[in-house]
Protein backbone atom coordinates (compact mmCIF):
# COMPACT_ATOMS: atom_id res chain seq x y z
CA MET A 1 0.00 0.00 0.00
CA SER A 2 1.27 3.44 -0.93
CA LEU A 3 2.60 5.71 1.83
CA ARG A 4 0.34 8.78 1.72
CA ILE A 5 2.28 11.91 2.71
CA VAL A 6 0.53 15.27 3.07
CA VAL A 7 2.61 18.44 3.40
CA CYS A 8 0.94 21.58 4.76
CA VAL A 9 2.36 24.75 3.20
CA LYS A 10 1.54 28.44 3.51
CA TYR A 11 1.60 31.35 1.10
CA VAL A 12 3.07 34.28 3.04
CA PRO A 13 3.90 37.93 2.34
CA ASP A 14 7.50 38.54 1.32
CA ALA A 15 9.32 39.55 4.50
CA THR A 16 11.41 42.05 2.53
CA GLY A 17 8.29 43.88 1.34
CA ASP A 18 6.43 46.77 2.97
CA ARG A 19 3.78 44.87 4.93
CA ARG A 20 0.69 46.71 6.15
CA PHE A 21 -2.73 46.13 7.65
CA THR A 22 -6.04 46.73 5.89
CA GLU A 23 -8.93 48.67 7.45
CA ASP A 24 -10.18 45.53 9.24
CA LEU A 25 -6.67 45.03 10.71
CA THR A 26 -5.86 41.95 8.69
CA THR A 27 -2.69 41.67 6.60
CA ASP A 28 -2.89 43.51 3.28
CA ARG A 29 -1.82 40.68 1.02
CA GLU A 30 -2.45 42.61 -2.19
CA ALA A 31 0.08 45.31 -1.29
CA VAL A 32 3.06 42.97 -1.19
CA ASP A 33 4.29 39.97 -3.18
CA GLY A 34 3.79 36.54 -1.69
CA LEU A 35 5.74 33.29 -1.78
CA LEU A 36 5.96 29.81 -0.30
CA SER A 37 7.02 30.12 3.35
CA GLU A 38 10.71 29.29 3.46
CA LEU A 39 10.30 27.08 6.52
CA ASP A 40 7.71 25.00 4.66
CA GLU A 41 10.27 24.26 1.95
CA TYR A 42 12.08 22.10 4.53
CA ALA A 43 8.86 20.14 5.07
CA VAL A 44 8.53 19.53 1.33
CA GLU A 45 12.17 18.44 1.17
CA GLN A 46 11.75 15.92 3.98
CA ALA A 47 8.64 14.53 2.31
CA LEU A 48 10.67 14.03 -0.87
CA GLN A 49 13.47 12.35 1.10
CA ILE A 50 11.01 9.96 2.77
CA SER A 51 9.28 9.26 -0.53
CA GLY A 52 12.61 8.47 -2.17
CA ASN A 53 13.34 5.83 0.48
CA ALA A 54 9.88 4.23 0.28
CA GLU A 55 8.84 1.51 -2.12
CA ASP A 56 5.68 3.39 -3.03
CA ALA A 57 4.73 6.87 -1.82
CA GLU A 58 2.59 9.79 -2.92
CA ILE A 59 3.06 13.40 -1.80
CA THR A 60 0.17 15.85 -1.69
CA VAL A 61 0.73 19.48 -0.74
CA VAL A 62 -2.17 21.44 0.71
CA THR A 63 -2.64 25.13 1.43
CA VAL A 64 -5.38 27.44 2.69
CA GLY A 65 -5.46 30.87 1.15
CA PRO A 66 -6.56 33.22 -1.64
CA GLU A 67 -6.16 32.63 -5.36
CA ASP A 68 -2.51 33.68 -5.35
CA ALA A 69 -1.71 30.94 -2.81
CA ARG A 70 -1.66 28.57 -5.77
CA ASP A 71 1.85 29.93 -6.45
CA ALA A 72 3.05 28.27 -3.24
CA LEU A 73 1.58 24.97 -4.40
CA ARG A 74 3.27 25.26 -7.79
CA LYS A 75 6.63 25.83 -6.09
CA ALA A 76 6.16 22.66 -4.03
CA LEU A 77 5.03 20.72 -7.11
CA SER A 78 8.08 21.92 -9.04
CA MET A 79 10.27 20.61 -6.22
CA GLY A 80 8.78 17.15 -6.78
CA ALA A 81 5.45 16.75 -4.98
CA ASP A 82 2.86 14.72 -6.90
CA LYS A 83 -0.36 16.71 -6.53
CA ALA A 84 -1.89 19.59 -4.63
CA VAL A 85 -5.06 20.71 -2.87
CA HIS A 86 -6.02 24.38 -2.55
CA VAL A 87 -8.69 25.41 -0.05
CA GLU A 88 -10.03 28.77 -1.23
CA ASP A 89 -13.12 30.55 0.06
CA ASP A 90 -13.98 34.23 0.59
CA ASP A 91 -15.27 33.38 4.09
CA LEU A 92 -11.73 32.37 5.11
CA HIS A 93 -10.62 36.02 5.20
CA GLY A 94 -9.25 36.81 8.66
CA THR A 95 -9.01 33.19 9.82
CA ASP A 96 -6.59 32.68 12.73
CA VAL A 97 -4.55 29.59 13.57
CA MET A 98 -7.48 27.87 15.29
CA GLY A 99 -9.64 28.15 12.19
CA THR A 100 -6.76 27.25 9.90
CA SER A 101 -6.10 24.06 11.89
CA LEU A 102 -9.78 23.11 11.50
CA VAL A 103 -9.72 23.66 7.73
CA LEU A 104 -6.44 21.79 7.31
CA ALA A 105 -7.68 18.87 9.41
CA LYS A 106 -10.77 18.53 7.24
CA ALA A 107 -8.68 18.84 4.08
CA VAL A 108 -6.18 16.23 5.26
CA GLU A 109 -9.03 13.83 6.05
CA HIS A 110 -10.47 14.50 2.60
CA ILE A 111 -7.14 13.71 0.96
CA GLY A 112 -6.35 10.63 3.04
CA TYR A 113 -3.02 10.35 4.83
CA ASP A 114 -0.49 8.28 6.72
CA LEU A 115 1.94 11.08 7.55
CA VAL A 116 1.42 14.85 7.71
CA ILE A 117 4.55 17.03 7.57
CA CYS A 118 4.63 20.73 8.50
CA GLY A 119 7.30 23.37 8.79
CA MET A 120 8.27 24.46 12.30
CA ALA A 121 6.39 27.78 11.90
CA SER A 122 5.22 30.18 9.23
CA THR A 123 7.45 33.10 8.42
CA ASP A 124 4.62 35.62 8.88
CA GLY A 125 2.77 34.53 12.05
CA THR A 126 5.73 32.55 13.52
CA MET A 127 3.46 30.92 16.13
CA GLY A 128 4.63 27.34 15.57
CA VAL A 129 1.52 25.80 17.17
CA LEU A 130 -0.37 24.63 14.09
CA PRO A 131 1.18 21.13 13.89
CA ALA A 132 0.10 20.39 17.47
CA LEU A 133 -3.40 21.76 16.87
CA LEU A 134 -3.67 19.72 13.67
CA ALA A 135 -2.61 16.52 15.42
CA GLU A 136 -5.17 17.15 18.17
CA ARG A 137 -7.98 17.68 15.66
CA LEU A 138 -6.98 14.55 13.74
CA GLY A 139 -6.61 12.53 16.94
CA VAL A 140 -3.15 11.23 16.03
CA PRO A 141 0.33 11.40 17.64
CA GLN A 142 2.59 14.37 17.03
CA ALA A 143 6.38 14.61 16.86
CA THR A 144 7.36 18.24 16.47
CA LEU A 145 10.51 20.28 15.84
CA LEU A 146 12.47 17.40 14.33
CA SER A 147 15.89 18.01 12.85
CA GLU A 148 15.97 14.46 11.51
CA VAL A 149 13.01 12.32 10.37
CA ALA A 150 12.45 8.90 8.79
CA VAL A 151 9.66 6.36 8.26
CA GLU A 152 10.14 2.65 8.85
CA ASP A 153 8.04 -0.33 9.95
CA GLY A 154 4.80 1.62 10.10
CA ALA A 155 6.18 4.39 12.32
CA VAL A 156 7.85 7.77 12.01
CA THR A 157 11.06 8.35 13.93
CA GLY A 158 13.00 11.53 14.48
CA ARG A 159 15.47 13.55 16.50
CA ARG A 160 14.62 16.72 18.39
CA ASP A 161 17.56 18.87 19.44
CA GLY A 162 17.03 21.10 22.47
CA ASP A 163 19.25 23.49 24.36
CA ALA A 164 20.11 20.93 27.03
CA ALA A 165 19.31 17.54 25.50
CA THR A 166 18.57 15.56 22.35
CA GLU A 167 15.41 13.47 22.20
CA HIS A 168 14.75 10.51 19.92
CA LEU A 169 11.04 10.18 19.15
CA ARG A 170 8.88 7.49 17.62
CA ALA A 171 5.19 7.57 16.71
CA GLU A 172 3.00 5.00 15.05
CA LEU A 173 1.40 6.06 11.78
CA PRO A 174 -0.78 7.93 11.09
CA ALA A 175 0.96 10.88 12.69
CA VAL A 176 1.81 14.58 12.33
CA VAL A 177 5.39 15.87 12.42
CA SER A 178 7.04 19.25 12.01
CA VAL A 179 10.62 19.75 10.88
CA THR A 180 13.10 22.53 11.59
CA ASP A 181 15.44 24.41 9.27
CA LEU A 182 18.22 22.07 10.42
CA SER A 183 16.58 19.03 8.81
CA GLY A 184 18.33 19.53 5.47
CA GLU A 185 18.54 22.19 2.78
CA ALA A 186 15.57 22.30 0.44
CA ARG A 187 16.34 21.56 -3.20
CA TYR A 188 15.95 24.12 -5.96
CA PRO A 189 13.32 23.27 -8.59
CA SER A 190 14.90 22.16 -11.85
CA PHE A 191 13.66 23.40 -15.22
CA LYS A 192 12.23 19.93 -15.82
CA GLY A 193 10.47 20.07 -12.48
CA ILE A 194 9.01 23.51 -13.20
CA MET A 195 7.62 22.34 -16.53
CA ALA A 196 6.27 19.11 -15.03
CA ALA A 197 4.50 21.05 -12.26
CA LYS A 198 2.27 22.72 -14.84
CA LYS A 199 0.68 19.36 -15.65
CA LYS A 200 0.25 18.08 -12.10
CA PRO A 201 -3.29 18.09 -10.68
CA VAL A 202 -4.41 20.85 -8.30
CA GLU A 203 -7.79 20.25 -6.64
CA THR A 204 -9.71 23.29 -5.39
CA LEU A 205 -12.03 22.97 -2.38
CA ASP A 206 -14.23 25.43 -0.52
CA LEU A 207 -15.76 25.35 2.95
CA SER A 208 -18.89 23.52 1.81
CA ASP A 209 -16.75 20.73 0.33
CA LEU A 210 -15.21 20.24 3.79
CA GLY A 211 -18.44 20.54 5.78
CA ILE A 212 -17.33 23.72 7.57
CA GLU A 213 -19.72 26.57 8.39
CA ALA A 214 -18.60 30.12 7.60
CA GLU A 215 -19.01 31.24 11.23
CA GLU A 216 -16.41 28.68 12.34
CA VAL A 217 -13.65 30.52 10.47
CA GLY A 218 -12.82 34.01 9.28
CA LEU A 219 -12.90 37.07 11.49
CA GLU A 220 -16.20 35.94 13.04
CA GLY A 221 -14.81 32.59 14.16
CA ALA A 222 -11.34 33.80 15.15
CA TRP A 223 -10.20 33.17 18.72
CA THR A 224 -7.82 36.13 18.51
CA ALA A 225 -8.16 39.66 17.16
CA VAL A 226 -5.94 42.64 16.45
CA GLU A 227 -7.52 45.58 18.27
CA ASP A 228 -5.12 48.30 17.22
CA ALA A 229 -2.07 48.81 15.04
CA THR A 230 0.33 51.73 14.67
CA GLU A 231 2.59 52.20 11.69
CA ARG A 232 6.25 51.83 12.55
CA PRO A 233 7.90 55.27 12.81
CA PRO A 234 10.65 56.10 10.33
CA ARG A 235 14.16 55.23 11.40
CA THR A 236 15.99 58.12 13.03
CA ALA A 237 19.69 58.84 13.33
CA GLY A 238 21.41 56.94 16.12
CA THR A 239 23.08 58.43 19.17
CA VAL A 240 26.80 58.97 18.74
CA VAL A 241 28.93 58.65 21.87
CA LYS A 242 32.36 60.27 21.64
CA ASP A 243 34.78 58.71 24.07
CA GLU A 244 36.69 61.50 25.76
CA GLY A 245 37.18 59.59 28.97
CA GLU A 246 33.48 59.27 29.79
CA GLY A 247 32.43 56.99 26.90
CA ALA A 248 31.71 53.93 29.01
CA LYS A 249 29.61 55.96 31.44
CA GLN A 250 27.59 57.57 28.64
CA LEU A 251 27.00 54.19 27.02
CA ALA A 252 25.82 52.69 30.29
CA GLU A 253 23.48 55.64 30.86
CA PHE A 254 22.04 55.27 27.36
CA LEU A 255 21.45 51.52 27.80
CA ALA A 256 19.86 52.11 31.20
CA GLY A 257 17.63 54.82 29.74
CA GLN A 258 16.42 52.37 27.10
CA LYS A 259 15.91 49.73 29.83
CA PHE A 260 18.37 47.38 28.14
CA ILE A 261 20.23 47.00 31.42
């Protein structure tokens, strides 16, 4: 039986762009270019590594987002994934991580899976909690923040490196894992891969396809809300300290005034 791998990816605003909020205090995604979250590229890479070591495996990438989010799927397909699923619905606007985990759980169940792989966090929200929420909704084990991952004998194994210790984890399939940026450099899509991606299937789903009511997601269903936002002030000239015998004292006073010490 084929090993069914699902990789959750996110289309995020380019961190180098000028990111702003809209009037409803959600991210203005039309004002800045988007791309596949860099940390999710590691998840795609590990899926490809596992698939390459399996006798028979299929990789499906799934994302939740607007029409442009399809670009993130195409990047993953050009890296080598087999097919993609795009959940797109106007009622998803403003969905937080709780709603996103619900939508992804329903999508993963729709696809069918043995192993779900996520990045350690998205490069826009940087919360890092979605893999755990997804595992809870699916009712399966989780092994998060892995710097090394493999599948053998019906289980996923991995290594988690902490500040004070290294843990070796094992979970029976089906399971959810997340991988860190130390798991292995993601490959660059080849020209052949880019051309092949154009012919790979991309299924589009909406909330009704997944049995989700509009009030469960979006701004209405969000568990969190941005109440206020202030534009970052322009950068000002720094303070120059001339050392004429009192430099260290002036530096200490400046740091204390900024509450750095």
